[in-house]
């Protein structure tokens, strides 16, 4: 099948299963609410992202897209956007670092009024090398934890030049996308890359945030014996009470068949862990950047390195032990899989679209800081999602509402 045709089919399948985004943006499209907006989008470019970009264009925006990671583009989708849908797209799988940043510069050349980022690279570029266009930016959105951490650092230093809506921490995003989306798609990527069995294996999840929770739950559901490692005492207690083994990573490394990082921190798996690593251990990363598993330490300790399967590199140590790094240490769910399930991104991207609308309307009057998604947007997306599931819920009576709102009510 022709790559463009394959991309069109993938986009069409996603469109058919993204009813929340469609309903949440119905008024925006009918009223051409984003007319005049120039939107530069740097996000993992695959079918669901394409649906979001096309929907924003339907609402009147000029949209240009690239990726936020050199290895996470679905080239069939990128080709379909360019050839079939005539949307400006600079994303390509396997870009060098130079090509990746060249593409980000190109989507900033349109002098955007709104930016949509995933991980913070585009926003950082605007505040460093592309200060020539930052004045035109009315606002931005951020999709993931790594980007939000960078944005909050910018805010603390007084460096942030425009308002940014933190979509990542909306309840309808992190409670579902980070847990159910990453949980399923990470294991999908690992299984696609390796074709190895998870049942009965020791799987160590590094980090027990919402992403780590999801991975641990799904791995247990596949029959794995799951261990969690943490630096946060509260999260460690939670992991233990959720029924997982909890121990230092150095102890876990000696017994693990799989180690999956989900921290957003650099050098999580490093030399002291690699020196005791179980022979044949598979190393995979579910964090945004390829910094969590130290590739420099792998290179330092390895006597040889070779590609043994698509997306799988074997590092053989001098004592004969082997370690397998998946997807160059990049986001395994997109390097070797298809990313989050469609229905998960449906709700996340509904939030994105409504945040873009908010910034287009109000960005000029908003402070240059990180803003939460307004509760009414979160609530609206949740209610639309329930409608698509055919689920009804109760509502408080007027007496109950008065009781909840009144501090004077007695027991």
Protein backbone atom coordinates (compact mmCIF):
# COMPACT_ATOMS: atom_id res chain seq x y z
CA UNK A 1 0.00 0.00 0.00
CA UNK A 2 1.22 3.51 -0.85
CA UNK A 3 2.55 5.35 2.25
CA UNK A 4 0.21 8.29 1.70
CA UNK A 5 -2.78 5.96 1.47
CA UNK A 6 -1.70 4.22 4.67
CA UNK A 7 -1.42 7.58 6.40
CA UNK A 8 -4.86 8.64 5.20
CA UNK A 9 -6.36 5.42 6.55
CA UNK A 10 -4.66 5.89 9.93
CA UNK A 11 -5.88 9.47 10.20
CA UNK A 12 -9.39 8.41 9.17
CA UNK A 13 -9.47 5.65 11.79
CA UNK A 14 -8.40 8.13 14.48
CA UNK A 15 -10.99 10.68 13.35
CA UNK A 16 -13.75 8.08 13.60
CA UNK A 17 -12.79 7.36 17.23
CA UNK A 18 -12.20 10.93 18.47
CA UNK A 19 -15.77 11.98 19.17
CA UNK A 20 -14.85 14.02 22.28
CA UNK A 21 -12.55 16.30 20.30
CA UNK A 22 -15.16 16.58 17.56
CA UNK A 23 -17.95 17.54 19.95
CA UNK A 24 -15.82 19.85 22.12
CA UNK A 25 -14.75 21.87 19.07
CA UNK A 26 -18.06 21.89 17.21
CA UNK A 27 -18.78 25.52 18.09
CA UNK A 28 -15.22 26.55 17.26
CA UNK A 29 -15.51 25.13 13.77
CA UNK A 30 -18.99 26.48 13.10
CA UNK A 31 -18.02 29.97 14.30
CA UNK A 32 -14.50 29.92 12.80
CA UNK A 33 -13.31 30.92 16.25
CA UNK A 34 -9.59 30.57 15.46
CA UNK A 35 -9.62 32.69 12.31
CA UNK A 36 -6.46 34.81 12.22
CA UNK A 37 -4.50 32.52 14.55
CA UNK A 38 -1.16 31.15 13.39
CA UNK A 39 -0.49 27.93 15.29
CA UNK A 40 2.94 26.28 15.41
CA UNK A 41 2.66 22.74 16.78
CA UNK A 42 5.65 20.69 17.97
CA UNK A 43 4.18 17.39 19.13
CA UNK A 44 4.67 13.68 18.48
CA UNK A 45 3.41 13.55 14.91
CA UNK A 46 1.15 10.53 14.44
CA UNK A 47 -2.48 9.94 13.53
CA UNK A 48 -4.14 11.46 16.61
CA UNK A 49 -1.96 14.57 16.42
CA UNK A 50 -2.88 14.93 12.76
CA UNK A 51 -6.58 14.91 13.67
CA UNK A 52 -6.00 17.71 16.19
CA UNK A 53 -4.05 19.80 13.64
CA UNK A 54 -6.73 19.36 10.99
CA UNK A 55 -9.50 20.20 13.46
CA UNK A 56 -7.75 23.45 14.46
CA UNK A 57 -7.46 24.32 10.78
CA UNK A 58 -11.17 23.61 10.35
CA UNK A 59 -11.76 26.18 13.11
CA UNK A 60 -9.97 28.81 11.04
CA UNK A 61 -6.35 28.63 12.19
CA UNK A 62 -3.27 28.50 10.00
CA UNK A 63 -1.44 25.42 11.31
CA UNK A 64 2.13 24.26 10.75
CA UNK A 65 3.51 21.16 12.44
CA UNK A 66 6.72 19.41 13.32
CA UNK A 67 7.66 16.78 15.87
CA UNK A 68 8.94 17.13 19.43
CA UNK A 69 11.20 14.08 19.14
CA UNK A 70 13.41 12.88 16.26
CA UNK A 71 12.19 9.27 16.41
CA UNK A 72 8.45 9.53 17.08
CA UNK A 73 7.03 10.65 13.74
CA UNK A 74 4.78 8.31 11.76
CA UNK A 75 6.09 9.04 8.27
CA UNK A 76 2.93 7.74 6.61
CA UNK A 77 0.90 10.31 8.57
CA UNK A 78 3.37 13.10 7.82
CA UNK A 79 3.25 12.28 4.10
CA UNK A 80 -0.55 12.17 4.15
CA UNK A 81 -0.70 15.59 5.81
CA UNK A 82 1.58 17.06 3.17
CA UNK A 83 0.25 15.32 0.07
CA UNK A 84 -3.43 14.68 0.78
CA UNK A 85 -4.41 17.34 3.30
CA UNK A 86 -2.01 20.06 2.10
CA UNK A 87 -0.93 20.97 5.61
CA UNK A 88 2.59 22.31 6.15
CA UNK A 89 4.51 19.57 7.96
CA UNK A 90 8.25 19.39 8.67
CA UNK A 91 8.22 16.21 10.78
CA UNK A 92 10.23 13.20 9.66
CA UNK A 93 11.26 10.07 11.51
CA UNK A 94 14.98 9.62 12.15
CA UNK A 95 15.99 13.29 11.99
CA UNK A 96 19.46 14.22 13.15
CA UNK A 97 19.67 16.73 15.98
CA UNK A 98 20.43 19.46 13.42
CA UNK A 99 17.46 18.49 11.22
CA UNK A 100 15.17 18.33 14.25
CA UNK A 101 16.01 21.88 15.31
CA UNK A 102 15.92 23.12 11.72
CA UNK A 103 12.32 21.89 11.55
CA UNK A 104 11.45 23.71 14.79
CA UNK A 105 12.93 26.90 13.37
CA UNK A 106 10.81 26.49 10.24
CA UNK A 107 7.54 26.32 12.16
CA UNK A 108 8.57 29.49 13.98
CA UNK A 109 9.29 31.27 10.70
CA UNK A 110 5.52 31.78 10.28
CA UNK A 111 5.65 34.14 13.29
CA UNK A 112 3.07 32.18 15.31
CA UNK A 113 0.48 33.75 17.52
CA UNK A 114 0.05 30.46 19.39
CA UNK A 115 2.46 27.58 20.06
CA UNK A 116 1.67 24.02 21.11
CA UNK A 117 4.60 22.21 22.68
CA UNK A 118 5.36 18.76 24.06
CA UNK A 119 8.51 18.69 26.17
CA UNK A 120 9.47 22.36 25.99
CA UNK A 121 11.96 22.45 23.12
CA UNK A 122 9.90 24.86 21.01
CA UNK A 123 9.26 27.19 23.94
CA UNK A 124 12.93 27.16 24.92
CA UNK A 125 13.88 28.01 21.35
CA UNK A 126 11.49 30.98 21.36
CA UNK A 127 13.16 32.36 24.48
CA UNK A 128 16.73 31.85 23.28
CA UNK A 129 17.47 31.73 19.56
CA UNK A 130 14.13 33.04 18.23
CA UNK A 131 13.47 36.12 20.30
CA UNK A 132 12.71 37.81 16.97
CA UNK A 133 9.24 36.20 16.92
CA UNK A 134 8.42 35.82 20.61
CA UNK A 135 6.60 39.17 20.73
CA UNK A 136 3.89 37.86 18.39
CA UNK A 137 3.08 34.88 20.62
CA UNK A 138 -0.19 35.33 22.52
CA UNK A 139 0.23 32.09 24.42
CA UNK A 140 1.16 28.43 24.38
CA UNK A 141 0.13 25.01 25.62
CA UNK A 142 2.27 22.25 27.10
CA UNK A 143 1.38 18.58 26.84
CA UNK A 144 3.76 16.71 29.10
CA UNK A 145 5.38 16.68 32.54
CA UNK A 146 8.91 17.29 31.26
CA UNK A 147 7.81 20.47 29.52
CA UNK A 148 5.88 21.72 32.52
CA UNK A 149 8.94 21.26 34.75
CA UNK A 150 10.98 23.37 32.33
CA UNK A 151 8.24 26.01 32.13
CA UNK A 152 7.99 26.33 35.90
CA UNK A 153 11.75 26.83 36.07
CA UNK A 154 11.41 29.62 33.48
CA UNK A 155 8.57 31.15 35.48
CA UNK A 156 10.60 31.10 38.72
CA UNK A 157 13.45 32.88 36.97
CA UNK A 158 11.12 35.48 35.43
CA UNK A 159 12.11 34.34 31.93
CA UNK A 160 8.70 33.28 30.55
CA UNK A 161 7.45 35.83 28.01
CA UNK A 162 3.87 34.64 27.39
CA UNK A 163 1.13 32.70 29.18
CA UNK A 164 1.22 28.92 28.86
CA UNK A 165 -1.65 26.59 29.70
CA UNK A 166 -0.46 23.46 31.49
CA UNK A 167 -2.62 20.86 29.75
CA UNK A 168 -0.57 18.05 31.30
CA UNK A 169 -1.96 18.62 34.79
CA UNK A 170 -5.61 18.86 33.82
CA UNK A 171 -7.49 16.03 35.53
CA UNK A 172 -8.86 14.71 32.26
CA UNK A 173 -5.29 14.48 31.01
CA UNK A 174 -2.99 13.15 33.71
CA UNK A 175 -5.49 10.83 35.36
CA UNK A 176 -6.09 9.03 32.07
CA UNK A 177 -3.41 9.86 29.50
CA UNK A 178 -0.45 9.37 31.85
CA UNK A 179 -1.86 6.31 33.59
CA UNK A 180 -3.97 4.36 31.10
CA UNK A 181 -2.44 5.75 27.92
CA UNK A 182 1.23 5.38 28.81
CA UNK A 183 0.57 2.19 30.75
CA UNK A 184 -0.83 0.42 27.70
CA UNK A 185 1.29 2.02 24.99
CA UNK A 186 4.62 1.48 26.79
CA UNK A 187 4.04 -2.24 27.07
CA UNK A 188 2.81 -2.29 23.47
CA UNK A 189 6.08 -0.67 22.36
CA UNK A 190 8.21 -3.08 24.39
CA UNK A 191 6.37 -6.13 23.10
CA UNK A 192 6.50 -4.89 19.51
CA UNK A 193 10.23 -4.21 19.79
CA UNK A 194 11.20 -7.48 21.47
CA UNK A 195 8.47 -10.10 20.93
CA UNK A 196 9.34 -11.33 24.44
CA UNK A 197 6.99 -12.66 27.10
CA UNK A 198 6.08 -10.46 30.07
CA UNK A 199 4.25 -13.08 32.14
CA UNK A 200 6.41 -14.40 34.96
CA UNK A 201 9.20 -11.89 34.27
CA UNK A 202 10.52 -9.38 36.81
CA UNK A 203 9.65 -5.89 35.57
CA UNK A 204 11.11 -2.93 37.45
CA UNK A 205 9.38 0.42 37.02
CA UNK A 206 11.58 3.38 37.92
CA UNK A 207 9.37 6.17 39.23
CA UNK A 208 5.84 5.90 40.60
CA UNK A 209 4.23 9.04 39.28
CA UNK A 210 1.10 8.72 37.18
CA UNK A 211 3.07 7.26 34.28
CA UNK A 212 4.89 4.77 36.50
CA UNK A 213 1.61 3.79 38.16
CA UNK A 214 0.08 2.98 34.81
CA UNK A 215 3.03 0.93 33.62
CA UNK A 216 3.20 -1.01 36.90
CA UNK A 217 -0.52 -1.78 36.82
CA UNK A 218 -0.47 -2.93 33.21
CA UNK A 219 2.68 -5.02 33.70
CA UNK A 220 1.06 -6.76 36.67
CA UNK A 221 -2.01 -7.34 34.53
CA UNK A 222 0.21 -9.12 31.99
CA UNK A 223 1.43 -11.47 34.69
CA UNK A 224 4.73 -9.77 35.48
CA UNK A 225 6.31 -9.68 38.94
CA UNK A 226 6.57 -5.91 39.38
CA UNK A 227 9.10 -3.96 41.43
CA UNK A 228 9.00 -0.18 41.89
CA UNK A 229 11.96 2.08 42.70
CA UNK A 230 11.49 5.62 43.98
CA UNK A 231 13.25 8.61 45.57
CA UNK A 232 10.00 10.04 46.96
CA UNK A 233 9.07 8.45 50.30
CA UNK A 234 5.34 9.13 49.91
CA UNK A 235 5.19 7.54 46.46
CA UNK A 236 7.22 4.61 47.71
CA UNK A 237 4.69 4.02 50.50
CA UNK A 238 1.89 4.22 47.94
CA UNK A 239 3.60 1.70 45.65
CA UNK A 240 4.08 -0.72 48.55
CA UNK A 241 0.45 -0.35 49.62
CA UNK A 242 -0.63 -0.93 46.02
CA UNK A 243 1.01 -4.33 46.35
CA UNK A 244 4.35 -3.82 44.59
CA UNK A 245 7.83 -4.68 45.81
CA UNK A 246 9.80 -1.51 46.59
CA UNK A 247 13.60 -1.40 46.78
CA UNK A 248 16.65 0.60 45.62
CA UNK A 249 17.35 0.36 41.90
CA UNK A 250 20.78 -1.20 42.48
CA UNK A 251 19.11 -4.12 44.23
CA UNK A 252 16.37 -4.37 41.63
CA UNK A 253 18.82 -4.25 38.70
CA UNK A 254 20.42 -7.54 39.72
CA UNK A 255 17.11 -9.41 39.41
CA UNK A 256 15.20 -7.56 36.67
CA UNK A 257 14.30 -8.93 33.26
CA UNK A 258 12.97 -5.52 32.20
CA UNK A 259 13.71 -2.04 33.57
CA UNK A 260 11.38 0.76 32.45
CA UNK A 261 12.20 4.36 33.38
CA UNK A 262 9.45 6.92 33.92
CA UNK A 263 10.96 9.80 35.88
CA UNK A 264 11.82 12.78 33.65
CA UNK A 265 15.25 12.83 35.36
CA UNK A 266 18.67 12.33 33.82
CA UNK A 267 20.96 9.30 34.38
CA UNK A 268 18.43 7.23 36.33
CA UNK A 269 20.00 3.97 35.12
CA UNK A 270 23.74 4.54 35.28
CA UNK A 271 27.11 2.82 35.78
CA UNK A 272 26.58 1.46 39.31
CA UNK A 273 23.32 -0.19 38.16
CA UNK A 274 24.79 -1.49 34.92
CA UNK A 275 27.67 -3.17 36.74
CA UNK A 276 25.23 -5.47 38.57
CA UNK A 277 22.59 -5.70 35.84
CA UNK A 278 21.07 -9.13 35.29
CA UNK A 279 22.31 -10.79 32.12
CA UNK A 280 19.85 -10.18 29.27
CA UNK A 281 17.99 -7.33 30.95
CA UNK A 282 15.92 -5.17 28.60
CA UNK A 283 16.15 -1.40 29.18
CA UNK A 284 13.29 0.81 28.01
CA UNK A 285 12.36 4.45 28.61
CA UNK A 286 8.87 5.92 28.91
CA UNK A 287 10.07 9.45 29.75
CA UNK A 288 10.09 12.28 27.22
CA UNK A 289 13.84 12.64 26.57
CA UNK A 290 16.52 10.00 25.97
CA UNK A 291 18.44 10.94 29.11
CA UNK A 292 17.07 8.55 31.72
CA UNK A 293 19.18 5.54 30.70
CA UNK A 294 22.82 6.63 30.50
CA UNK A 295 23.95 5.70 27.02
CA UNK A 296 27.37 7.12 27.84
CA UNK A 297 27.78 4.62 30.68
CA UNK A 298 26.55 1.79 28.48
CA UNK A 299 29.19 2.70 25.91
CA UNK A 300 31.86 2.99 28.60
CA UNK A 301 31.20 -0.46 30.03
CA UNK A 302 30.42 -2.35 26.83
CA UNK A 303 33.03 -4.41 25.01
CA UNK A 304 30.78 -4.50 21.93
CA UNK A 305 27.54 -3.08 20.64
CA UNK A 306 25.34 -4.24 17.78
CA UNK A 307 21.81 -3.97 16.44
CA UNK A 308 20.15 -7.36 16.97
CA UNK A 309 16.58 -6.47 16.00
CA UNK A 310 14.86 -3.34 14.78
CA UNK A 311 14.78 -0.96 17.78
CA UNK A 312 16.95 -3.33 19.89
CA UNK A 313 20.67 -2.72 20.51
CA UNK A 314 22.74 -5.32 22.34
CA UNK A 315 25.50 -4.11 24.67
CA UNK A 316 27.88 -6.93 25.67
CA UNK A 317 30.00 -6.28 28.75
CA UNK A 318 33.53 -7.60 29.31
CA UNK A 319 32.27 -10.27 31.71
CA UNK A 320 29.93 -11.66 29.05
CA UNK A 321 26.69 -10.16 30.36
CA UNK A 322 24.36 -8.55 27.83
CA UNK A 323 21.94 -5.65 28.11
CA UNK A 324 19.38 -4.66 25.49
CA UNK A 325 18.53 -0.98 24.95
CA UNK A 326 15.25 -0.30 23.17
CA UNK A 327 14.68 2.57 20.76
CA UNK A 328 17.96 4.36 21.52
CA UNK A 329 16.55 5.12 24.98
CA UNK A 330 13.81 7.31 23.52
CA UNK A 331 10.06 7.10 24.13
CA UNK A 332 9.46 3.43 23.51
CA UNK A 333 5.70 3.73 23.07
CA UNK A 334 6.21 5.90 19.99
CA UNK A 335 9.56 4.63 18.73
CA UNK A 336 8.36 1.02 18.50
CA UNK A 337 4.61 1.44 19.00
CA UNK A 338 1.79 3.70 17.85
CA UNK A 339 1.57 5.89 20.92
CA UNK A 340 -1.40 6.19 23.22
CA UNK A 341 -4.75 4.61 22.34
CA UNK A 342 -6.99 6.82 20.22
CA UNK A 343 -9.66 7.27 22.91
CA UNK A 344 -7.06 8.50 25.41
CA UNK A 345 -5.68 11.17 23.07
CA UNK A 346 -9.25 12.11 22.19
CA UNK A 347 -9.76 13.63 25.64
CA UNK A 348 -6.23 15.06 25.92
CA UNK A 349 -6.50 16.77 22.56
CA UNK A 350 -9.98 18.09 23.34
CA UNK A 351 -8.33 19.88 26.26
CA UNK A 352 -5.58 21.13 23.93
CA UNK A 353 -8.06 22.54 21.42
CA UNK A 354 -10.10 24.33 24.09
CA UNK A 355 -6.91 25.71 25.66
CA UNK A 356 -5.87 27.09 22.26
CA UNK A 357 -9.26 28.76 21.93
CA UNK A 358 -8.91 30.27 25.43
CA UNK A 359 -5.48 31.69 24.60
CA UNK A 360 -6.65 33.06 21.26
CA UNK A 361 -9.47 34.91 23.03
CA UNK A 362 -7.81 35.89 26.30
CA UNK A 363 -4.05 35.43 25.89
CA UNK A 364 -3.33 39.14 25.58
CA UNK A 365 -4.92 39.70 29.00
CA UNK A 366 -3.28 36.74 30.78
CA UNK A 367 -0.10 36.97 32.84
CA UNK A 368 3.11 35.52 31.42
CA UNK A 369 3.13 32.47 33.69
CA UNK A 370 2.01 28.83 33.74
CA UNK A 371 -1.79 28.61 33.98
CA UNK A 372 -3.88 25.56 34.89
CA UNK A 373 -6.62 24.39 32.58
CA UNK A 374 -9.77 26.12 33.91
CA UNK A 375 -11.97 23.69 35.88
CA UNK A 376 -14.94 24.38 33.62
CA UNK A 377 -12.96 23.08 30.60
CA UNK A 378 -11.95 19.96 32.52
CA UNK A 379 -15.59 19.43 33.54
CA UNK A 380 -16.87 19.99 30.02
CA UNK A 381 -14.49 17.43 28.53
CA UNK A 382 -15.40 14.93 31.26
CA UNK A 383 -19.12 15.32 30.59
CA UNK A 384 -18.67 14.95 26.84
CA UNK A 385 -16.65 11.80 27.47
CA UNK A 386 -19.44 10.37 29.62
CA UNK A 387 -21.94 11.14 26.86
CA UNK A 388 -19.84 9.28 24.29
CA UNK A 389 -19.79 6.29 26.67
CA UNK A 390 -23.55 6.42 27.17
CA UNK A 391 -23.09 7.04 30.90
CA UNK A 392 -25.30 9.24 33.07
CA UNK A 393 -24.46 10.43 36.58
CA UNK A 394 -26.34 12.01 39.48
CA UNK A 395 -26.42 15.68 40.45
CA UNK A 396 -26.64 17.36 43.84
CA UNK A 397 -30.09 18.56 44.89
CA UNK A 398 -30.48 22.22 45.78
CA UNK A 399 -30.60 21.29 49.49
CA UNK A 400 -27.39 19.28 49.12
CA UNK A 401 -25.70 22.14 47.28
CA UNK A 402 -26.68 24.60 50.01
CA UNK A 403 -25.42 22.17 52.66
CA UNK A 404 -22.05 21.75 50.93
CA UNK A 405 -21.65 25.51 50.41
CA UNK A 406 -22.63 26.57 53.93
CA UNK A 407 -20.20 26.47 56.84
CA UNK A 408 -23.07 27.17 59.23
CA UNK A 409 -24.86 23.90 58.57
CA UNK A 410 -24.93 21.74 61.65
CA UNK A 411 -24.46 18.01 61.95
